[in-house]
């Protein structure tokens, strides 16, 4: 009988504490809202549309992994920044000195503001890459796959840095 009461109390505590800590490891504290300002593409090589794609992918990740509500202004947590690098470079060579593999690298500068806990604010650069065969052009499906994979990694790193204290 006593063990059932303890189990019920522990269950209730676990359910009510999820507002502050999620199953994804996110520690949102007392925050209820977040906003992701539009990330401008300031890279020397401008790939059209990736600024919008990145902004939306970061919003979607935070929405899916926290109980925070998305807002356009006066949020508890604010993300802003710009895409600073987008470049392709050869990575490996063949025996006759031709590129065998290329690498797309994207870098994003992020400013994160926690209006409830300003000591958690930061400005930091995040980057990741995608390798692809040199005989493929970075267009169409290859480009979409590369950008999606790079942004998935970068947005997860931003999430971890801002909301999991990793």
N, C-alpha and C. Protein backbone atom coordinates (compact mmCIF):
# COMPACT_ATOMS: atom_id res chain seq x y z
N UNK A 1 0.83 -1.19 0.00
CA UNK A 1 0.00 0.00 0.00
C UNK A 1 0.87 1.26 0.00
N UNK A 2 1.88 1.27 0.86
CA UNK A 2 2.76 2.42 0.95
C UNK A 2 3.57 2.58 -0.34
N UNK A 3 3.96 1.47 -0.96
CA UNK A 3 4.76 1.55 -2.19
C UNK A 3 3.92 2.12 -3.34
N UNK A 4 2.61 1.87 -3.37
CA UNK A 4 1.75 2.43 -4.42
C UNK A 4 1.69 3.94 -4.29
N UNK A 5 1.62 4.44 -3.06
CA UNK A 5 1.59 5.89 -2.84
C UNK A 5 2.89 6.53 -3.29
N UNK A 6 4.00 5.88 -3.03
CA UNK A 6 5.30 6.41 -3.44
C UNK A 6 5.40 6.45 -4.96
N UNK A 7 4.94 5.39 -5.60
CA UNK A 7 4.97 5.34 -7.06
C UNK A 7 4.10 6.45 -7.65
N UNK A 8 2.93 6.66 -7.09
CA UNK A 8 2.03 7.72 -7.58
C UNK A 8 2.69 9.08 -7.39
N UNK A 9 3.30 9.32 -6.23
CA UNK A 9 3.96 10.61 -5.98
C UNK A 9 5.12 10.84 -6.93
N UNK A 10 5.91 9.83 -7.17
CA UNK A 10 7.04 9.96 -8.09
C UNK A 10 6.53 10.23 -9.51
N UNK A 11 5.49 9.55 -9.91
CA UNK A 11 4.91 9.76 -11.24
C UNK A 11 4.38 11.17 -11.40
N UNK A 12 3.68 11.67 -10.40
CA UNK A 12 3.16 13.04 -10.45
C UNK A 12 4.29 14.05 -10.52
N UNK A 13 5.32 13.84 -9.74
CA UNK A 13 6.47 14.75 -9.76
C UNK A 13 7.13 14.74 -11.13
N UNK A 14 7.30 13.57 -11.71
CA UNK A 14 7.94 13.46 -13.02
C UNK A 14 7.12 14.17 -14.10
N UNK A 15 5.81 14.03 -14.06
CA UNK A 15 4.96 14.67 -15.05
C UNK A 15 4.94 16.18 -14.91
N UNK A 16 4.92 16.68 -13.69
CA UNK A 16 4.86 18.13 -13.50
C UNK A 16 6.20 18.78 -13.75
N UNK A 17 7.28 18.06 -13.61
CA UNK A 17 8.60 18.67 -13.81
C UNK A 17 8.97 18.75 -15.28
N UNK A 18 8.21 18.16 -16.18
CA UNK A 18 8.54 18.17 -17.59
C UNK A 18 8.47 19.57 -18.20
N UNK A 19 7.83 20.50 -17.52
CA UNK A 19 7.81 21.87 -18.02
C UNK A 19 9.21 22.44 -18.04
N UNK A 20 10.04 22.02 -17.14
CA UNK A 20 11.38 22.58 -17.02
C UNK A 20 12.45 21.69 -17.62
N UNK A 21 12.16 20.45 -17.83
CA UNK A 21 13.14 19.53 -18.37
C UNK A 21 12.41 18.53 -19.26
N UNK A 22 12.85 18.41 -20.48
CA UNK A 22 12.14 17.53 -21.40
C UNK A 22 12.86 16.20 -21.53
N UNK A 23 12.21 15.27 -22.21
CA UNK A 23 12.81 13.96 -22.42
C UNK A 23 13.97 14.02 -23.40
N UNK A 24 14.11 15.12 -24.12
CA UNK A 24 15.22 15.28 -25.05
C UNK A 24 16.45 15.83 -24.36
N UNK A 25 16.35 16.14 -23.08
CA UNK A 25 17.48 16.69 -22.35
C UNK A 25 17.49 18.21 -22.33
N UNK A 26 16.48 18.84 -22.90
CA UNK A 26 16.44 20.29 -22.96
C UNK A 26 16.06 20.86 -21.60
N UNK A 27 16.81 21.83 -21.16
CA UNK A 27 16.53 22.54 -19.92
C UNK A 27 16.05 23.93 -20.28
N UNK A 28 14.73 24.12 -20.32
CA UNK A 28 14.18 25.40 -20.75
C UNK A 28 13.91 26.34 -19.57
N UNK A 29 14.16 25.88 -18.34
CA UNK A 29 13.93 26.73 -17.17
C UNK A 29 12.50 27.20 -17.12
N UNK A 30 12.32 28.49 -16.91
CA UNK A 30 10.98 29.08 -16.86
C UNK A 30 10.54 29.65 -18.21
N UNK A 31 11.33 29.42 -19.24
CA UNK A 31 11.01 29.96 -20.56
C UNK A 31 9.73 29.33 -21.10
N UNK A 32 8.96 30.15 -21.79
CA UNK A 32 7.73 29.67 -22.41
C UNK A 32 7.72 29.91 -23.91
N UNK A 33 8.52 30.88 -24.38
CA UNK A 33 8.50 31.24 -25.79
C UNK A 33 9.92 31.34 -26.35
N UNK A 34 10.01 31.21 -27.66
CA UNK A 34 11.28 31.43 -28.35
C UNK A 34 11.01 32.06 -29.70
N UNK A 35 12.02 32.72 -30.22
CA UNK A 35 11.92 33.26 -31.56
C UNK A 35 13.24 32.99 -32.28
N UNK A 36 13.12 32.73 -33.58
CA UNK A 36 14.29 32.56 -34.43
C UNK A 36 14.21 33.65 -35.48
N UNK A 37 15.05 34.66 -35.33
CA UNK A 37 15.09 35.73 -36.31
C UNK A 37 15.71 35.20 -37.61
N UNK A 38 15.35 35.82 -38.71
CA UNK A 38 15.80 35.39 -40.02
C UNK A 38 17.33 35.40 -40.10
N UNK A 39 17.92 34.28 -40.47
CA UNK A 39 19.37 34.16 -40.62
C UNK A 39 19.76 34.58 -42.03
N UNK A 40 20.39 35.74 -42.17
CA UNK A 40 20.84 36.25 -43.46
C UNK A 40 21.97 35.38 -44.00
N UNK A 41 22.06 35.29 -45.31
CA UNK A 41 23.17 34.57 -45.94
C UNK A 41 24.24 35.60 -46.32
N UNK A 42 25.29 35.69 -45.50
CA UNK A 42 26.37 36.63 -45.74
C UNK A 42 27.63 35.94 -46.27
N UNK A 43 27.50 34.70 -46.71
CA UNK A 43 28.65 33.98 -47.25
C UNK A 43 29.07 34.60 -48.58
N UNK A 44 30.37 34.45 -48.92
CA UNK A 44 30.85 34.98 -50.20
C UNK A 44 30.15 34.30 -51.37
N UNK A 45 29.97 33.00 -51.27
CA UNK A 45 29.23 32.25 -52.28
C UNK A 45 27.80 32.10 -51.78
N UNK A 46 26.87 32.77 -52.43
CA UNK A 46 25.48 32.78 -51.97
C UNK A 46 24.69 31.71 -52.70
N UNK A 47 24.14 30.79 -51.94
CA UNK A 47 23.25 29.76 -52.48
C UNK A 47 21.82 30.19 -52.15
N UNK A 48 21.02 30.52 -53.15
CA UNK A 48 19.67 31.03 -52.91
C UNK A 48 18.81 30.06 -52.09
N UNK A 49 18.10 30.61 -51.11
CA UNK A 49 17.12 29.85 -50.35
C UNK A 49 17.63 29.16 -49.11
N UNK A 50 18.96 29.04 -48.94
CA UNK A 50 19.42 28.30 -47.76
C UNK A 50 19.21 29.09 -46.48
N UNK A 51 19.15 30.41 -46.57
CA UNK A 51 18.89 31.22 -45.38
C UNK A 51 17.50 30.93 -44.82
N UNK A 52 16.52 30.86 -45.69
CA UNK A 52 15.15 30.52 -45.28
C UNK A 52 15.09 29.09 -44.75
N UNK A 53 15.74 28.16 -45.48
CA UNK A 53 15.74 26.76 -45.07
C UNK A 53 16.35 26.59 -43.68
N UNK A 54 17.46 27.27 -43.43
CA UNK A 54 18.11 27.15 -42.13
C UNK A 54 17.21 27.69 -41.02
N UNK A 55 16.65 28.87 -41.22
CA UNK A 55 15.77 29.48 -40.23
C UNK A 55 14.62 28.55 -39.88
N UNK A 56 13.98 27.99 -40.89
CA UNK A 56 12.84 27.09 -40.67
C UNK A 56 13.27 25.80 -39.98
N UNK A 57 14.43 25.26 -40.36
CA UNK A 57 14.88 24.01 -39.76
C UNK A 57 15.20 24.19 -38.28
N UNK A 58 15.78 25.34 -37.90
CA UNK A 58 16.05 25.60 -36.49
C UNK A 58 14.74 25.77 -35.72
N UNK A 59 13.78 26.48 -36.27
CA UNK A 59 12.47 26.63 -35.63
C UNK A 59 11.81 25.26 -35.43
N UNK A 60 11.82 24.44 -36.46
CA UNK A 60 11.18 23.12 -36.39
C UNK A 60 11.82 22.24 -35.33
N UNK A 61 13.15 22.27 -35.24
CA UNK A 61 13.84 21.44 -34.25
C UNK A 61 13.44 21.84 -32.83
N UNK A 62 13.43 23.13 -32.54
CA UNK A 62 13.09 23.59 -31.20
C UNK A 62 11.62 23.29 -30.88
N UNK A 63 10.75 23.48 -31.85
CA UNK A 63 9.33 23.16 -31.65
C UNK A 63 9.12 21.68 -31.36
N UNK A 64 9.84 20.82 -32.06
CA UNK A 64 9.62 19.38 -31.91
C UNK A 64 10.28 18.81 -30.66
N UNK A 65 11.29 19.47 -30.11
CA UNK A 65 12.02 18.89 -28.98
C UNK A 65 11.80 19.63 -27.66
N UNK A 66 10.93 20.64 -27.66
CA UNK A 66 10.62 21.34 -26.42
C UNK A 66 9.13 21.65 -26.37
N UNK A 67 8.69 22.18 -25.25
CA UNK A 67 7.30 22.63 -25.12
C UNK A 67 7.19 24.14 -25.34
N UNK A 68 8.25 24.75 -25.85
CA UNK A 68 8.24 26.19 -26.08
C UNK A 68 7.32 26.56 -27.24
N UNK A 69 6.75 27.76 -27.16
CA UNK A 69 5.90 28.28 -28.23
C UNK A 69 6.71 29.26 -29.07
N UNK A 70 6.54 29.18 -30.38
CA UNK A 70 7.22 30.08 -31.31
C UNK A 70 6.49 31.41 -31.35
N UNK A 71 7.26 32.50 -31.28
CA UNK A 71 6.68 33.84 -31.37
C UNK A 71 7.58 34.70 -32.25
N UNK A 72 7.05 35.83 -32.70
CA UNK A 72 7.82 36.72 -33.58
C UNK A 72 8.55 37.84 -32.84
N UNK A 73 8.18 38.08 -31.57
CA UNK A 73 8.83 39.16 -30.83
C UNK A 73 8.67 38.93 -29.33
N UNK A 74 9.53 39.59 -28.57
CA UNK A 74 9.50 39.56 -27.10
C UNK A 74 9.54 38.14 -26.52
N UNK A 75 10.33 37.27 -27.12
CA UNK A 75 10.42 35.89 -26.65
C UNK A 75 11.36 35.78 -25.45
N UNK A 76 11.22 34.71 -24.71
CA UNK A 76 12.13 34.43 -23.60
C UNK A 76 13.50 34.02 -24.12
N UNK A 77 13.52 33.26 -25.21
CA UNK A 77 14.77 32.79 -25.82
C UNK A 77 14.82 33.29 -27.26
N UNK A 78 15.94 33.89 -27.65
CA UNK A 78 16.05 34.50 -28.98
C UNK A 78 17.29 33.95 -29.69
N UNK A 79 17.10 33.52 -30.92
CA UNK A 79 18.19 33.04 -31.77
C UNK A 79 18.29 33.98 -32.97
N UNK A 80 19.50 34.42 -33.27
CA UNK A 80 19.70 35.23 -34.46
C UNK A 80 21.13 35.03 -34.94
N UNK A 81 21.39 35.46 -36.15
CA UNK A 81 22.73 35.31 -36.68
C UNK A 81 22.73 35.35 -38.19
N UNK A 82 23.77 34.74 -38.76
CA UNK A 82 23.92 34.76 -40.20
C UNK A 82 24.75 33.56 -40.66
N UNK A 83 24.51 33.17 -41.91
CA UNK A 83 25.34 32.15 -42.54
C UNK A 83 26.59 32.87 -43.03
N UNK A 84 27.74 32.46 -42.53
CA UNK A 84 28.98 33.19 -42.83
C UNK A 84 29.86 32.50 -43.86
N UNK A 85 29.69 31.19 -44.03
CA UNK A 85 30.52 30.47 -45.01
C UNK A 85 29.67 29.41 -45.70
N UNK A 86 29.88 29.32 -47.00
CA UNK A 86 29.29 28.28 -47.83
C UNK A 86 30.31 28.04 -48.93
N UNK A 87 31.05 26.96 -48.85
CA UNK A 87 32.07 26.74 -49.88
C UNK A 87 32.29 25.26 -50.13
N UNK A 88 32.78 25.00 -51.34
CA UNK A 88 33.09 23.65 -51.77
C UNK A 88 34.58 23.59 -52.05
N UNK A 89 35.25 22.56 -51.54
CA UNK A 89 36.68 22.39 -51.75
C UNK A 89 36.98 20.92 -52.03
N UNK A 90 37.99 20.66 -52.88
CA UNK A 90 38.38 19.27 -53.11
C UNK A 90 38.99 18.68 -51.85
N UNK A 91 38.69 17.39 -51.60
CA UNK A 91 39.18 16.75 -50.37
C UNK A 91 40.21 15.67 -50.63
N UNK A 92 39.98 14.81 -51.58
CA UNK A 92 40.92 13.74 -51.88
C UNK A 92 41.23 13.76 -53.37
N UNK A 93 42.41 13.28 -53.72
CA UNK A 93 42.83 13.29 -55.12
C UNK A 93 43.02 11.87 -55.63
N UNK A 94 42.90 11.72 -56.94
CA UNK A 94 43.17 10.44 -57.58
C UNK A 94 44.65 10.37 -57.93
N UNK A 95 45.07 9.25 -58.48
CA UNK A 95 46.47 9.07 -58.84
C UNK A 95 46.93 10.08 -59.90
N UNK A 96 46.00 10.55 -60.72
CA UNK A 96 46.38 11.53 -61.75
C UNK A 96 46.04 12.97 -61.33
N UNK A 97 46.04 13.21 -60.02
CA UNK A 97 45.87 14.55 -59.43
C UNK A 97 44.55 15.23 -59.76
N UNK A 98 43.51 14.45 -59.92
CA UNK A 98 42.17 15.02 -60.04
C UNK A 98 41.43 14.80 -58.73
N UNK A 99 40.49 15.67 -58.45
CA UNK A 99 39.72 15.51 -57.21
C UNK A 99 38.85 14.27 -57.30
N UNK A 100 38.89 13.47 -56.24
CA UNK A 100 38.04 12.29 -56.17
C UNK A 100 36.80 12.57 -55.33
N UNK A 101 36.94 13.53 -54.43
CA UNK A 101 35.84 13.85 -53.53
C UNK A 101 35.89 15.34 -53.21
N UNK A 102 34.71 15.94 -53.12
CA UNK A 102 34.59 17.35 -52.73
C UNK A 102 33.88 17.44 -51.39
N UNK A 103 34.05 18.56 -50.74
CA UNK A 103 33.41 18.78 -49.44
C UNK A 103 32.71 20.14 -49.44
N UNK A 104 31.41 20.10 -49.12
CA UNK A 104 30.65 21.33 -48.88
C UNK A 104 30.74 21.63 -47.39
N UNK A 105 31.16 22.83 -47.05
CA UNK A 105 31.21 23.26 -45.65
C UNK A 105 30.33 24.50 -45.50
N UNK A 106 29.50 24.48 -44.46
CA UNK A 106 28.66 25.63 -44.15
C UNK A 106 28.93 26.03 -42.70
N UNK A 107 29.07 27.34 -42.48
CA UNK A 107 29.30 27.86 -41.13
C UNK A 107 28.23 28.91 -40.82
N UNK A 108 27.71 28.84 -39.60
CA UNK A 108 26.66 29.77 -39.17
C UNK A 108 27.11 30.43 -37.87
N UNK A 109 27.04 31.75 -37.82
CA UNK A 109 27.31 32.49 -36.60
C UNK A 109 25.98 32.71 -35.89
N UNK A 110 25.92 32.31 -34.60
CA UNK A 110 24.67 32.37 -33.85
C UNK A 110 24.84 33.23 -32.61
N UNK A 111 23.86 34.10 -32.41
CA UNK A 111 23.76 34.86 -31.15
C UNK A 111 22.50 34.34 -30.45
N UNK A 112 22.70 33.87 -29.23
CA UNK A 112 21.60 33.32 -28.45
C UNK A 112 21.41 34.19 -27.22
N UNK A 113 20.17 34.60 -26.99
CA UNK A 113 19.85 35.43 -25.84
C UNK A 113 18.78 34.74 -25.01
N UNK A 114 19.06 34.57 -23.73
CA UNK A 114 18.09 34.03 -22.78
C UNK A 114 17.69 35.22 -21.90
N UNK A 115 16.53 35.79 -22.15
CA UNK A 115 16.13 37.01 -21.44
C UNK A 115 15.84 36.76 -19.96
N UNK A 116 15.62 35.49 -19.60
CA UNK A 116 15.34 35.15 -18.21
C UNK A 116 16.62 34.82 -17.44
N UNK A 117 17.62 34.33 -18.14
CA UNK A 117 18.92 33.97 -17.54
C UNK A 117 20.04 34.47 -18.45
N UNK A 118 20.33 35.78 -18.42
CA UNK A 118 21.32 36.36 -19.34
C UNK A 118 22.72 35.76 -19.26
N UNK A 119 23.04 35.11 -18.16
CA UNK A 119 24.36 34.48 -18.05
C UNK A 119 24.52 33.31 -19.04
N UNK A 120 23.42 32.86 -19.64
CA UNK A 120 23.47 31.77 -20.61
C UNK A 120 23.60 32.28 -22.05
N UNK A 121 23.61 33.59 -22.25
CA UNK A 121 23.76 34.17 -23.59
C UNK A 121 25.10 33.76 -24.19
N UNK A 122 25.14 33.65 -25.52
CA UNK A 122 26.42 33.40 -26.19
C UNK A 122 26.37 33.85 -27.64
N UNK A 123 27.54 34.03 -28.20
CA UNK A 123 27.72 34.18 -29.64
C UNK A 123 28.78 33.17 -30.02
N UNK A 124 28.44 32.32 -31.00
CA UNK A 124 29.31 31.21 -31.32
C UNK A 124 29.12 30.80 -32.78
N UNK A 125 30.18 30.28 -33.39
CA UNK A 125 30.10 29.78 -34.76
C UNK A 125 29.94 28.26 -34.74
N UNK A 126 29.07 27.78 -35.60
CA UNK A 126 28.82 26.35 -35.75
C UNK A 126 29.03 26.01 -37.22
N UNK A 127 29.69 24.89 -37.47
CA UNK A 127 29.89 24.49 -38.87
C UNK A 127 29.84 22.97 -38.97
N UNK A 128 29.57 22.53 -40.18
CA UNK A 128 29.61 21.11 -40.49
C UNK A 128 29.81 20.97 -41.99
N UNK A 129 30.03 19.75 -42.46
CA UNK A 129 30.37 19.52 -43.85
C UNK A 129 29.64 18.30 -44.41
N UNK A 130 29.69 18.19 -45.71
CA UNK A 130 29.12 17.05 -46.42
C UNK A 130 30.06 16.71 -47.57
N UNK A 131 30.53 15.46 -47.62
CA UNK A 131 31.42 15.01 -48.68
C UNK A 131 30.61 14.35 -49.79
N UNK A 132 31.01 14.62 -51.04
CA UNK A 132 30.33 14.02 -52.18
C UNK A 132 31.33 13.76 -53.29
N UNK A 133 31.04 12.80 -54.18
CA UNK A 133 31.97 12.47 -55.26
C UNK A 133 32.23 13.67 -56.17
N UNK A 134 33.47 13.80 -56.59
CA UNK A 134 33.86 14.94 -57.43
C UNK A 134 33.19 14.91 -58.80
N UNK A 135 32.75 13.74 -59.23
CA UNK A 135 32.08 13.66 -60.53
C UNK A 135 30.62 14.09 -60.46
N UNK A 136 30.13 14.45 -59.29
CA UNK A 136 28.75 14.96 -59.14
C UNK A 136 28.78 16.48 -58.98
N UNK A 137 27.81 17.10 -59.57
CA UNK A 137 27.65 18.54 -59.38
C UNK A 137 26.83 18.77 -58.11
N UNK A 138 27.09 19.86 -57.43
CA UNK A 138 26.33 20.18 -56.21
C UNK A 138 25.06 20.93 -56.63
N UNK A 139 24.16 20.18 -57.25
CA UNK A 139 22.88 20.72 -57.71
C UNK A 139 21.80 19.68 -57.45
N UNK A 140 20.57 20.11 -57.54
CA UNK A 140 19.43 19.21 -57.45
C UNK A 140 19.41 18.39 -56.17
N UNK A 141 19.23 17.09 -56.32
CA UNK A 141 19.09 16.19 -55.17
C UNK A 141 20.36 16.13 -54.33
N UNK A 142 21.53 16.20 -54.97
CA UNK A 142 22.79 16.17 -54.23
C UNK A 142 22.90 17.40 -53.33
N UNK A 143 22.56 18.56 -53.88
CA UNK A 143 22.60 19.81 -53.11
C UNK A 143 21.61 19.76 -51.97
N UNK A 144 20.38 19.31 -52.24
CA UNK A 144 19.36 19.25 -51.21
C UNK A 144 19.77 18.31 -50.07
N UNK A 145 20.31 17.14 -50.43
CA UNK A 145 20.77 16.20 -49.42
C UNK A 145 21.91 16.79 -48.58
N UNK A 146 22.86 17.44 -49.25
CA UNK A 146 24.01 18.02 -48.56
C UNK A 146 23.58 19.11 -47.58
N UNK A 147 22.78 20.04 -48.05
CA UNK A 147 22.36 21.16 -47.21
C UNK A 147 21.51 20.65 -46.04
N UNK A 148 20.60 19.72 -46.31
CA UNK A 148 19.76 19.18 -45.23
C UNK A 148 20.61 18.49 -44.17
N UNK A 149 21.57 17.68 -44.60
CA UNK A 149 22.41 16.97 -43.63
C UNK A 149 23.26 17.94 -42.80
N UNK A 150 23.84 18.93 -43.46
CA UNK A 150 24.66 19.92 -42.75
C UNK A 150 23.81 20.71 -41.77
N UNK A 151 22.65 21.16 -42.20
CA UNK A 151 21.78 21.94 -41.32
C UNK A 151 21.23 21.11 -40.17
N UNK A 152 20.97 19.83 -40.40
CA UNK A 152 20.52 18.96 -39.32
C UNK A 152 21.56 18.92 -38.22
N UNK A 153 22.80 18.76 -38.59
CA UNK A 153 23.89 18.70 -37.60
C UNK A 153 24.09 20.05 -36.90
N UNK A 154 24.10 21.13 -37.67
CA UNK A 154 24.32 22.45 -37.08
C UNK A 154 23.18 22.83 -36.15
N UNK A 155 21.93 22.61 -36.55
CA UNK A 155 20.81 22.99 -35.69
C UNK A 155 20.80 22.16 -34.40
N UNK A 156 21.18 20.89 -34.49
CA UNK A 156 21.26 20.07 -33.29
C UNK A 156 22.37 20.57 -32.36
N UNK A 157 23.49 20.99 -32.94
CA UNK A 157 24.58 21.55 -32.13
C UNK A 157 24.15 22.85 -31.45
N UNK A 158 23.40 23.69 -32.15
CA UNK A 158 22.89 24.93 -31.58
C UNK A 158 21.92 24.62 -30.45
N UNK A 159 21.03 23.68 -30.68
CA UNK A 159 20.08 23.25 -29.66
C UNK A 159 20.83 22.78 -28.41
N UNK A 160 21.82 21.92 -28.60
CA UNK A 160 22.59 21.40 -27.48
C UNK A 160 23.32 22.51 -26.72
N UNK A 161 23.91 23.44 -27.45
CA UNK A 161 24.66 24.52 -26.80
C UNK A 161 23.75 25.46 -26.01
N UNK A 162 22.55 25.68 -26.52
CA UNK A 162 21.67 26.65 -25.88
C UNK A 162 20.73 26.05 -24.83
N UNK A 163 20.34 24.80 -25.01
CA UNK A 163 19.30 24.25 -24.14
C UNK A 163 19.68 22.99 -23.37
N UNK A 164 20.86 22.45 -23.58
CA UNK A 164 21.24 21.26 -22.82
C UNK A 164 22.52 21.45 -22.03
N UNK A 165 23.13 22.60 -22.16
CA UNK A 165 24.38 22.91 -21.44
C UNK A 165 25.47 21.90 -21.73
N UNK A 166 25.55 21.43 -22.98
CA UNK A 166 26.60 20.48 -23.37
C UNK A 166 27.84 21.22 -23.76
